[in-house]
Amino acid sequence: MRKFSLLLGALGGAFAGYLFSNKQLRKDLATAKDAESAARLLGKHLQKDGKNLAAQVQDFVESDDVQKNLKKAKKYAEEKFVVARRELMKLVHRAEDAASDAAGQAGAVAQKTAKRAVKHAKHTFRRVETRVRKLV
């Protein structure tokens, strides 16, 4: 809900700025008969000014300075991507090495535990065997 209120505030501010900067729109809205005609006038002005704004933005984007800076930005982004990929691969290799070391250590621990269990089982078997002999 907080985002909605921020959006409404931003739109209200943008509309107020547009209204303050457009003298003809202020005159037309002052002479509007009702809310419906005011809405039509506002729509007409927004359409006309929107077309002008779109043409200006298109000219700006197609200008040599913007295109040159866009090429620089693409090159910079590619370089940063390569660096980030390299660092990520280093992290992956470190994680693989750590995992293989942990697996090797786990194998050694399991082997020791198995030897201990076999030794303990043999010892227990001997004790039980001795007790059975004594009983028989």
C-alpha atoms as a PDB file:
ATOM      1  CA  MET A   1       0.000   0.000   0.000  1.00  0.00           C
ATOM      2  CA  ARG A   2       2.945   2.300   0.664  1.00  0.00           C
ATOM      3  CA  LYS A   3       4.050   1.981  -2.974  1.00  0.00           C
ATOM      4  CA  PHE A   4       0.606   3.032  -4.175  1.00  0.00           C
ATOM      5  CA  SER A   5       0.683   6.207  -2.087  1.00  0.00           C
ATOM      6  CA  LEU A   6       4.180   6.998  -3.373  1.00  0.00           C
ATOM      7  CA  LEU A   7       2.980   6.485  -6.932  1.00  0.00           C
ATOM      8  CA  LEU A   8       0.012   8.784  -6.401  1.00  0.00           C
ATOM      9  CA  GLY A   9       2.260  11.411  -4.836  1.00  0.00           C
ATOM     10  CA  ALA A  10       4.691  11.243  -7.738  1.00  0.00           C
ATOM     11  CA  LEU A  11       1.908  11.499 -10.292  1.00  0.00           C
ATOM     12  CA  GLY A  12       0.366  14.422  -8.424  1.00  0.00           C
ATOM     13  CA  GLY A  13       3.687  16.227  -8.342  1.00  0.00           C
ATOM     14  CA  ALA A  14       4.273  15.571 -12.032  1.00  0.00           C
ATOM     15  CA  PHE A  15       0.792  16.806 -12.894  1.00  0.00           C
ATOM     16  CA  ALA A  16       1.245  19.947 -10.770  1.00  0.00           C
ATOM     17  CA  GLY A  17       4.546  20.697 -12.502  1.00  0.00           C
ATOM     18  CA  TYR A  18       2.930  20.190 -15.885  1.00  0.00           C
ATOM     19  CA  LEU A  19       0.020  22.445 -14.951  1.00  0.00           C
ATOM     20  CA  PHE A  20       2.301  25.206 -13.627  1.00  0.00           C
ATOM     21  CA  SER A  21       4.520  25.138 -16.716  1.00  0.00           C
ATOM     22  CA  ASN A  22       1.723  25.180 -19.325  1.00  0.00           C
ATOM     23  CA  LYS A  23       0.082  28.620 -19.493  1.00  0.00           C
ATOM     24  CA  GLN A  24      -2.375  27.689 -22.265  1.00  0.00           C
ATOM     25  CA  LEU A  25      -3.582  24.660 -20.297  1.00  0.00           C
ATOM     26  CA  ARG A  26      -4.234  26.826 -17.242  1.00  0.00           C
ATOM     27  CA  LYS A  27      -6.290  29.262 -19.358  1.00  0.00           C
ATOM     28  CA  ASP A  28      -8.276  26.444 -20.993  1.00  0.00           C
ATOM     29  CA  LEU A  29      -8.996  24.741 -17.684  1.00  0.00           C
ATOM     30  CA  ALA A  30     -10.122  28.032 -16.144  1.00  0.00           C
ATOM     31  CA  THR A  31     -12.707  28.482 -18.911  1.00  0.00           C
ATOM     32  CA  ALA A  32     -13.909  24.834 -18.841  1.00  0.00           C
ATOM     33  CA  LYS A  33     -17.646  24.479 -18.222  1.00  0.00           C
ATOM     34  CA  ASP A  34     -17.614  21.163 -16.321  1.00  0.00           C
ATOM     35  CA  ALA A  35     -15.321  18.355 -15.248  1.00  0.00           C
ATOM     36  CA  GLU A  36     -15.877  16.384 -18.439  1.00  0.00           C
ATOM     37  CA  SER A  37     -14.793  19.237 -20.708  1.00  0.00           C
ATOM     38  CA  ALA A  38     -11.806  19.870 -18.422  1.00  0.00           C
ATOM     39  CA  ALA A  39     -10.817  16.209 -18.779  1.00  0.00           C
ATOM     40  CA  ARG A  40     -11.086  16.446 -22.582  1.00  0.00           C
ATOM     41  CA  LEU A  41      -8.950  19.600 -22.617  1.00  0.00           C
ATOM     42  CA  LEU A  42      -6.363  17.961 -20.400  1.00  0.00           C
ATOM     43  CA  GLY A  43      -6.307  14.872 -22.632  1.00  0.00           C
ATOM     44  CA  LYS A  44      -5.863  17.013 -25.748  1.00  0.00           C
ATOM     45  CA  HIS A  45      -2.963  18.930 -24.215  1.00  0.00           C
ATOM     46  CA  LEU A  46      -1.319  15.753 -22.897  1.00  0.00           C
ATOM     47  CA  GLN A  47      -1.598  14.113 -26.306  1.00  0.00           C
ATOM     48  CA  LYS A  48      -0.053  17.091 -28.111  1.00  0.00           C
ATOM     49  CA  ASP A  49       2.704  17.547 -25.540  1.00  0.00           C
ATOM     50  CA  GLY A  50       3.291  13.783 -25.387  1.00  0.00           C
ATOM     51  CA  LYS A  51       3.977  13.709 -29.118  1.00  0.00           C
ATOM     52  CA  ASN A  52       6.416  16.624 -28.776  1.00  0.00           C
ATOM     53  CA  LEU A  53       8.116  14.965 -25.815  1.00  0.00           C
ATOM     54  CA  ALA A  54       8.422  11.650 -27.664  1.00  0.00           C
ATOM     55  CA  ALA A  55      10.002  13.373 -30.670  1.00  0.00           C
ATOM     56  CA  GLN A  56      12.464  15.229 -28.416  1.00  0.00           C
ATOM     57  CA  VAL A  57      13.389  12.037 -26.572  1.00  0.00           C
ATOM     58  CA  GLN A  58      13.884  10.208 -29.851  1.00  0.00           C
ATOM     59  CA  ASP A  59      16.163  12.985 -31.146  1.00  0.00           C
ATOM     60  CA  PHE A  60      18.081  12.939 -27.876  1.00  0.00           C
ATOM     61  CA  VAL A  61      18.580   9.169 -27.937  1.00  0.00           C
ATOM     62  CA  GLU A  62      19.703   9.237 -31.569  1.00  0.00           C
ATOM     63  CA  SER A  63      22.222  12.041 -30.957  1.00  0.00           C
ATOM     64  CA  ASP A  64      25.921  11.301 -31.392  1.00  0.00           C
ATOM     65  CA  ASP A  65      26.811  12.050 -27.763  1.00  0.00           C
ATOM     66  CA  VAL A  66      24.250   9.610 -26.392  1.00  0.00           C
ATOM     67  CA  GLN A  67      25.235   6.903 -28.861  1.00  0.00           C
ATOM     68  CA  LYS A  68      28.913   7.353 -28.006  1.00  0.00           C
ATOM     69  CA  ASN A  69      28.173   7.185 -24.281  1.00  0.00           C
ATOM     70  CA  LEU A  70      25.926   4.188 -24.857  1.00  0.00           C
ATOM     71  CA  LYS A  71      28.799   2.361 -26.542  1.00  0.00           C
ATOM     72  CA  LYS A  72      31.046   3.241 -23.604  1.00  0.00           C
ATOM     73  CA  ALA A  73      28.410   1.991 -21.182  1.00  0.00           C
ATOM     74  CA  LYS A  74      28.050  -1.297 -23.085  1.00  0.00           C
ATOM     75  CA  LYS A  75      31.819  -1.805 -23.101  1.00  0.00           C
ATOM     76  CA  TYR A  76      32.024  -1.037 -19.382  1.00  0.00           C
ATOM     77  CA  ALA A  77      29.157  -3.422 -18.622  1.00  0.00           C
ATOM     78  CA  GLU A  78      30.806  -6.197 -20.638  1.00  0.00           C
ATOM     79  CA  GLU A  79      34.119  -5.696 -18.816  1.00  0.00           C
ATOM     80  CA  LYS A  80      32.410  -5.781 -15.423  1.00  0.00           C
ATOM     81  CA  PHE A  81      30.478  -8.884 -16.467  1.00  0.00           C
ATOM     82  CA  VAL A  82      33.704 -10.670 -17.421  1.00  0.00           C
ATOM     83  CA  VAL A  83      35.315  -9.713 -14.098  1.00  0.00           C
ATOM     84  CA  ALA A  84      32.255 -10.833 -12.138  1.00  0.00           C
ATOM     85  CA  ARG A  85      32.119 -14.126 -14.033  1.00  0.00           C
ATOM     86  CA  ARG A  86      35.809 -14.762 -13.341  1.00  0.00           C
ATOM     87  CA  GLU A  87      35.345 -14.071  -9.629  1.00  0.00           C
ATOM     88  CA  LEU A  88      32.286 -16.302  -9.516  1.00  0.00           C
ATOM     89  CA  MET A  89      34.212 -19.132 -11.161  1.00  0.00           C
ATOM     90  CA  LYS A  90      36.972 -18.726  -8.554  1.00  0.00           C
ATOM     91  CA  LEU A  91      34.384 -19.027  -5.803  1.00  0.00           C
ATOM     92  CA  VAL A  92      32.894 -22.115  -7.441  1.00  0.00           C
ATOM     93  CA  HIS A  93      36.317 -23.759  -7.710  1.00  0.00           C
ATOM     94  CA  ARG A  94      37.054 -22.975  -4.065  1.00  0.00           C
ATOM     95  CA  ALA A  95      33.737 -24.501  -3.066  1.00  0.00           C
ATOM     96  CA  GLU A  96      34.470 -27.602  -5.162  1.00  0.00           C
ATOM     97  CA  ASP A  97      37.889 -27.973  -3.545  1.00  0.00           C
ATOM     98  CA  ALA A  98      36.434 -27.546  -0.075  1.00  0.00           C
ATOM     99  CA  ALA A  99      33.706 -30.093  -0.837  1.00  0.00           C
ATOM    100  CA  SER A 100      36.204 -32.654  -2.134  1.00  0.00           C
ATOM    101  CA  ASP A 101      38.419 -32.120   0.934  1.00  0.00           C
ATOM    102  CA  ALA A 102      35.418 -32.542   3.214  1.00  0.00           C
ATOM    103  CA  ALA A 103      34.389 -35.699   1.348  1.00  0.00           C
ATOM    104  CA  GLY A 104      37.916 -37.121   1.678  1.00  0.00           C
ATOM    105  CA  GLN A 105      37.973 -36.347   5.385  1.00  0.00           C
ATOM    106  CA  ALA A 106      34.510 -37.850   5.805  1.00  0.00           C
ATOM    107  CA  GLY A 107      35.721 -41.001   4.058  1.00  0.00           C
ATOM    108  CA  ALA A 108      38.718 -41.256   6.370  1.00  0.00           C
ATOM    109  CA  VAL A 109      36.549 -40.711   9.447  1.00  0.00           C
ATOM    110  CA  ALA A 110      34.068 -43.336   8.221  1.00  0.00           C
ATOM    111  CA  GLN A 111      36.901 -45.802   7.629  1.00  0.00           C
ATOM    112  CA  LYS A 112      38.270 -45.285  11.148  1.00  0.00           C
ATOM    113  CA  THR A 113      34.801 -45.660  12.634  1.00  0.00           C
ATOM    114  CA  ALA A 114      34.223 -48.865  10.648  1.00  0.00           C
ATOM    115  CA  LYS A 115      37.543 -50.315  11.857  1.00  0.00           C
ATOM    116  CA  ARG A 116      36.626 -49.446  15.434  1.00  0.00           C
ATOM    117  CA  ALA A 117      33.201 -51.042  15.005  1.00  0.00           C
ATOM    118  CA  VAL A 118      34.728 -54.245  13.574  1.00  0.00           C
ATOM    119  CA  LYS A 119      37.254 -54.382  16.397  1.00  0.00           C
ATOM    120  CA  HIS A 120      34.515 -53.833  18.979  1.00  0.00           C
ATOM    121  CA  ALA A 121      32.317 -56.490  17.320  1.00  0.00           C
ATOM    122  CA  LYS A 122      35.179 -59.013  17.379  1.00  0.00           C
ATOM    123  CA  HIS A 123      35.835 -58.265  21.029  1.00  0.00           C
ATOM    124  CA  THR A 124      32.129 -58.610  21.871  1.00  0.00           C
ATOM    125  CA  PHE A 125      31.907 -61.850  19.908  1.00  0.00           C
ATOM    126  CA  ARG A 126      34.878 -63.289  21.819  1.00  0.00           C
ATOM    127  CA  ARG A 127      33.295 -62.371  25.157  1.00  0.00           C
ATOM    128  CA  VAL A 128      29.968 -63.876  24.183  1.00  0.00           C
ATOM    129  CA  GLU A 129      31.706 -66.981  22.801  1.00  0.00           C
ATOM    130  CA  THR A 130      33.640 -67.404  26.050  1.00  0.00           C
ATOM    131  CA  ARG A 131      30.459 -67.069  28.133  1.00  0.00           C
ATOM    132  CA  VAL A 132      28.650 -69.581  25.928  1.00  0.00           C
ATOM    133  CA  ARG A 133      31.503 -72.065  26.353  1.00  0.00           C
ATOM    134  CA  LYS A 134      31.369 -71.622  30.095  1.00  0.00           C
ATOM    135  CA  LEU A 135      27.650 -72.329  30.039  1.00  0.00           C
ATOM    136  CA  VAL A 136      27.989 -75.427  27.896  1.00  0.00           C
END
